[in-house]
Protein backbone atom coordinates (compact mmCIF):
# COMPACT_ATOMS: atom_id res chain seq x y z
CA MET A 1 8.90 -34.67 15.16
CA THR A 2 9.05 -32.38 12.16
CA THR A 3 11.69 -29.75 11.56
CA THR A 4 10.63 -26.28 10.46
CA PRO A 5 12.41 -25.54 7.18
CA ASN A 6 14.80 -22.63 7.09
CA LYS A 7 13.47 -19.46 5.59
CA LEU A 8 14.84 -18.28 2.29
CA ARG A 9 16.43 -14.85 2.33
CA ILE A 10 15.07 -12.72 -0.48
CA ASP A 11 16.52 -9.30 -1.28
CA ILE A 12 14.51 -7.19 -3.72
CA VAL A 13 16.47 -4.31 -5.18
CA SER A 14 13.86 -1.83 -6.34
CA ASP A 15 12.53 1.69 -6.70
CA VAL A 16 8.99 2.76 -5.83
CA VAL A 17 8.53 4.53 -9.18
CA CYS A 18 9.15 1.28 -11.09
CA PRO A 19 5.83 -0.42 -12.00
CA TRP A 20 7.46 -3.79 -12.58
CA CYS A 21 8.84 -3.72 -9.04
CA ILE A 22 5.38 -3.80 -7.45
CA ILE A 23 4.18 -6.28 -10.08
CA GLY A 24 7.16 -8.55 -9.44
CA TYR A 25 6.61 -8.34 -5.70
CA ARG A 26 2.90 -9.16 -6.01
CA GLN A 27 3.75 -12.18 -8.18
CA LEU A 28 6.28 -13.36 -5.60
CA GLU A 29 3.75 -12.79 -2.82
CA ARG A 30 1.18 -14.88 -4.65
CA ALA A 31 3.72 -17.62 -5.30
CA HIS A 32 4.55 -17.63 -1.61
CA ALA A 33 0.87 -17.96 -0.70
CA GLU A 34 0.46 -20.90 -3.09
CA THR A 35 3.61 -22.76 -2.04
CA ALA A 36 3.76 -21.83 1.67
CA ILE A 37 7.55 -21.68 1.34
CA PRO A 38 8.74 -19.35 4.09
CA TYR A 39 11.01 -16.47 3.28
CA GLU A 40 12.46 -13.37 4.88
CA LEU A 41 12.12 -10.28 2.71
CA HIS A 42 14.59 -7.41 2.55
CA TRP A 43 13.90 -4.37 0.35
CA GLN A 44 17.06 -2.77 -1.03
CA PRO A 45 17.40 0.73 -2.52
CA PHE A 46 17.89 1.60 -6.16
CA GLU A 47 17.25 4.91 -7.91
CA LEU A 48 15.96 4.71 -11.44
CA ASN A 49 16.68 8.39 -11.92
CA PRO A 50 19.35 9.59 -9.48
CA ASP A 51 19.92 12.76 -11.51
CA MET A 52 16.24 13.70 -11.65
CA PRO A 53 15.73 17.30 -10.45
CA ALA A 54 13.58 17.96 -7.39
CA GLU A 55 10.59 19.08 -9.44
CA GLY A 56 10.51 15.77 -11.32
CA GLN A 57 9.48 15.38 -14.96
CA ASN A 58 6.38 14.49 -16.93
CA LEU A 59 6.35 10.70 -17.25
CA ARG A 60 5.69 10.59 -20.98
CA GLU A 61 8.46 13.10 -21.66
CA HIS A 62 10.81 11.18 -19.41
CA LEU A 63 10.20 7.85 -21.15
CA ALA A 64 10.49 9.46 -24.57
CA GLU A 65 13.85 10.95 -23.63
CA LYS A 66 15.19 7.87 -21.86
CA TYR A 67 13.91 5.10 -24.13
CA GLY A 68 12.66 6.84 -27.26
CA SER A 69 9.10 5.67 -26.54
CA THR A 70 6.34 7.01 -28.76
CA LYS A 71 2.92 7.95 -27.38
CA GLU A 72 1.46 4.81 -28.96
CA GLN A 73 4.11 2.62 -27.34
CA SER A 74 3.62 4.38 -24.01
CA ASP A 75 -0.15 3.88 -24.15
CA ALA A 76 0.22 0.20 -24.99
CA ASN A 77 2.70 -0.28 -22.16
CA ARG A 78 0.45 1.52 -19.70
CA ASN A 79 -2.54 -0.59 -20.69
CA HIS A 80 -0.52 -3.78 -20.29
CA ILE A 81 0.85 -2.75 -16.88
CA THR A 82 -2.63 -1.72 -15.71
CA ALA A 83 -4.10 -5.08 -16.74
CA VAL A 84 -1.32 -7.10 -15.10
CA GLY A 85 -1.60 -5.00 -11.94
CA ALA A 86 -5.38 -5.46 -11.77
CA GLU A 87 -4.98 -9.23 -11.99
CA LEU A 88 -2.67 -9.00 -8.97
CA GLY A 89 -4.95 -6.67 -7.01
CA PHE A 90 -2.93 -3.50 -7.57
CA GLU A 91 -4.44 -0.40 -9.15
CA PHE A 92 -2.40 1.64 -11.62
CA CYS A 93 -3.92 5.01 -12.52
CA PHE A 94 -1.83 6.53 -15.29
CA THR A 95 -2.63 10.03 -16.54
CA ASP A 96 -1.07 12.40 -19.05
CA ASP A 97 0.15 14.69 -16.27
CA MET A 98 1.75 11.91 -14.19
CA ARG A 99 5.31 12.67 -13.19
CA MET A 100 8.53 10.78 -12.55
CA HIS A 101 10.27 11.73 -9.31
CA ASN A 102 13.66 11.68 -7.64
CA THR A 103 13.40 9.01 -4.93
CA PHE A 104 16.51 9.52 -2.82
CA ASN A 105 14.48 10.90 0.08
CA VAL A 106 11.99 8.06 -0.30
CA HIS A 107 14.79 5.56 0.26
CA GLN A 108 15.99 7.48 3.32
CA LEU A 109 12.54 7.26 4.89
CA LEU A 110 12.41 3.56 4.09
CA HIS A 111 15.75 3.12 5.86
CA TRP A 112 14.32 4.94 8.88
CA ALA A 113 11.12 2.86 8.82
CA ASP A 114 13.21 -0.33 8.72
CA GLN A 115 14.62 0.54 12.13
CA GLN A 116 11.05 0.41 13.44
CA GLY A 117 10.09 -2.78 11.65
CA ARG A 118 7.82 -0.89 9.24
CA LYS A 119 9.76 -0.87 5.99
CA GLN A 120 7.40 -3.28 4.26
CA ASP A 121 4.37 -1.18 5.19
CA LEU A 122 5.93 2.09 4.07
CA LYS A 123 7.22 0.56 0.84
CA GLN A 124 3.73 -0.58 -0.10
CA ALA A 125 2.31 2.81 0.87
CA PHE A 126 4.78 4.56 -1.43
CA PHE A 127 3.92 2.28 -4.35
CA THR A 128 0.23 3.07 -3.87
CA ALA A 129 0.86 6.78 -3.36
CA HIS A 130 2.76 7.02 -6.64
CA PHE A 131 0.89 4.70 -8.97
CA THR A 132 -2.67 4.77 -7.62
CA HIS A 133 -3.00 8.27 -6.17
CA ARG A 134 -0.28 10.05 -8.18
CA ARG A 135 1.07 11.88 -5.13
CA ASN A 136 4.20 13.98 -5.40
CA LEU A 137 7.05 11.90 -4.01
CA SER A 138 9.42 14.82 -4.60
CA ASP A 139 7.69 16.75 -1.81
CA ASP A 140 9.03 16.12 1.71
CA GLN A 141 5.70 17.15 3.24
CA VAL A 142 3.92 14.50 1.17
CA LEU A 143 6.46 11.86 2.17
CA ALA A 144 5.99 12.73 5.84
CA ASP A 145 2.21 12.57 5.38
CA ILE A 146 2.46 9.08 3.90
CA ALA A 147 4.63 7.94 6.81
CA ALA A 148 2.08 9.34 9.26
CA GLU A 149 -0.77 7.58 7.47
CA ILE A 150 0.71 4.19 8.37
CA GLY A 151 1.26 5.24 11.98
CA LEU A 152 4.83 6.55 11.95
CA ALA A 153 5.74 9.85 13.57
CA ARG A 154 5.29 12.63 11.02
CA ASP A 155 7.57 15.12 12.80
CA GLU A 156 10.35 12.56 13.01
CA ALA A 157 9.90 11.61 9.36
CA LEU A 158 10.22 15.25 8.36
CA ALA A 159 13.30 15.66 10.55
CA VAL A 160 14.91 12.64 8.87
CA LEU A 161 14.40 14.30 5.50
CA GLN A 162 15.53 17.72 6.62
CA ASP A 163 18.80 16.66 8.25
CA GLN A 164 19.51 13.83 5.76
CA ARG A 165 20.82 11.66 8.59
CA PHE A 166 20.56 8.45 6.57
CA ALA A 167 21.92 9.80 3.30
CA ASN A 168 25.27 8.06 3.66
CA ASP A 169 23.63 4.76 4.64
CA VAL A 170 21.41 4.82 1.56
CA ARG A 171 24.28 5.77 -0.73
CA ALA A 172 26.37 2.92 0.69
CA ALA A 173 23.54 0.41 0.18
CA GLU A 174 22.95 1.61 -3.37
CA LYS A 175 26.67 1.32 -4.13
CA PHE A 176 26.78 -2.21 -2.72
CA TRP A 177 24.16 -3.44 -5.18
CA ILE A 178 25.54 -1.49 -8.13
CA ASP A 179 28.99 -2.92 -7.39
CA ALA A 180 27.35 -6.35 -7.30
CA GLY A 181 26.28 -5.80 -10.91
CA ILE A 182 22.69 -4.62 -10.51
CA ARG A 183 21.85 -2.23 -13.35
CA GLY A 184 18.07 -2.49 -13.51
CA VAL A 185 15.11 -3.36 -11.29
CA PRO A 186 13.42 -5.36 -10.02
CA ALA A 187 16.41 -7.51 -9.17
CA VAL A 188 15.57 -10.37 -6.82
CA VAL A 189 18.41 -12.12 -5.04
CA PHE A 190 17.73 -15.44 -3.31
CA ASN A 191 19.99 -16.39 -0.40
CA ARG A 192 22.54 -13.81 -1.61
CA ARG A 193 23.48 -16.25 -4.41
CA HIS A 194 20.79 -16.54 -7.07
CA LEU A 195 19.83 -13.43 -9.07
CA VAL A 196 16.55 -13.18 -10.96
CA THR A 197 15.80 -9.99 -12.88
CA GLY A 198 12.45 -8.54 -13.89
CA ALA A 199 8.91 -9.59 -13.03
CA GLN A 200 8.92 -13.33 -13.75
CA GLY A 201 5.26 -14.21 -13.31
CA THR A 202 3.62 -16.16 -10.51
CA GLU A 203 4.23 -19.63 -11.96
CA ASN A 204 7.92 -18.96 -12.54
CA CYS A 205 8.21 -17.55 -9.03
CA LYS A 206 6.69 -20.74 -7.64
CA GLN A 207 9.22 -22.84 -9.54
CA ILE A 208 12.11 -20.67 -8.39
CA LEU A 209 11.01 -20.78 -4.74
CA THR A 210 10.55 -24.54 -4.87
CA GLN A 211 13.88 -25.20 -6.58
CA ILE A 212 15.91 -23.04 -4.22
CA MET A 213 14.14 -24.46 -1.18
CA GLN A 214 14.96 -27.99 -2.37
CA GLU A 215 18.60 -26.99 -2.72
CA ASN A 216 18.54 -25.82 0.90
CA SER A 217 17.00 -29.00 2.28
């Protein structure tokens, strides 16, 4: 009689406007498919730009201000991200008018979706909405539309955003991870003990999954 191995707990601290977060997740997903090591995934909130105004900011301008990136550096980075994403089956569609958004309301809707067992689905929908379709994640109506498109109640989604009922929960969760030392994303925490930062690549993810699973056995 065989014993089913325990699942790893994986917390991914991330923001939906971070391209390396979806890349890192897709690499982990592929590693999981190739190793068949079971895990339980928990998305955790992080805001790349908590002080971003509601109207957002042009992405190029934002990166130039935040990191001092030149247009040439930005173009090279975009081309690299697009190529890595394509290899993982994710489409990045960068344009000159693409904007960076405040994502606090996004994280509130994700918290709400989690209560219905749909956080994973909504998280992926937000990644696609931002990077593939360049939808305005600063607009509550757009956020409610995206929730409805995966089968959640649009009116309820809009009410969640209007009354900010989960604002304190999201702030508390963000504070927990910041207090734990998380300063950038993606940050992947295995079994609440092992921290791996950044998108590590599929092969490295396979090695990490295998090593931690062996430690658990």
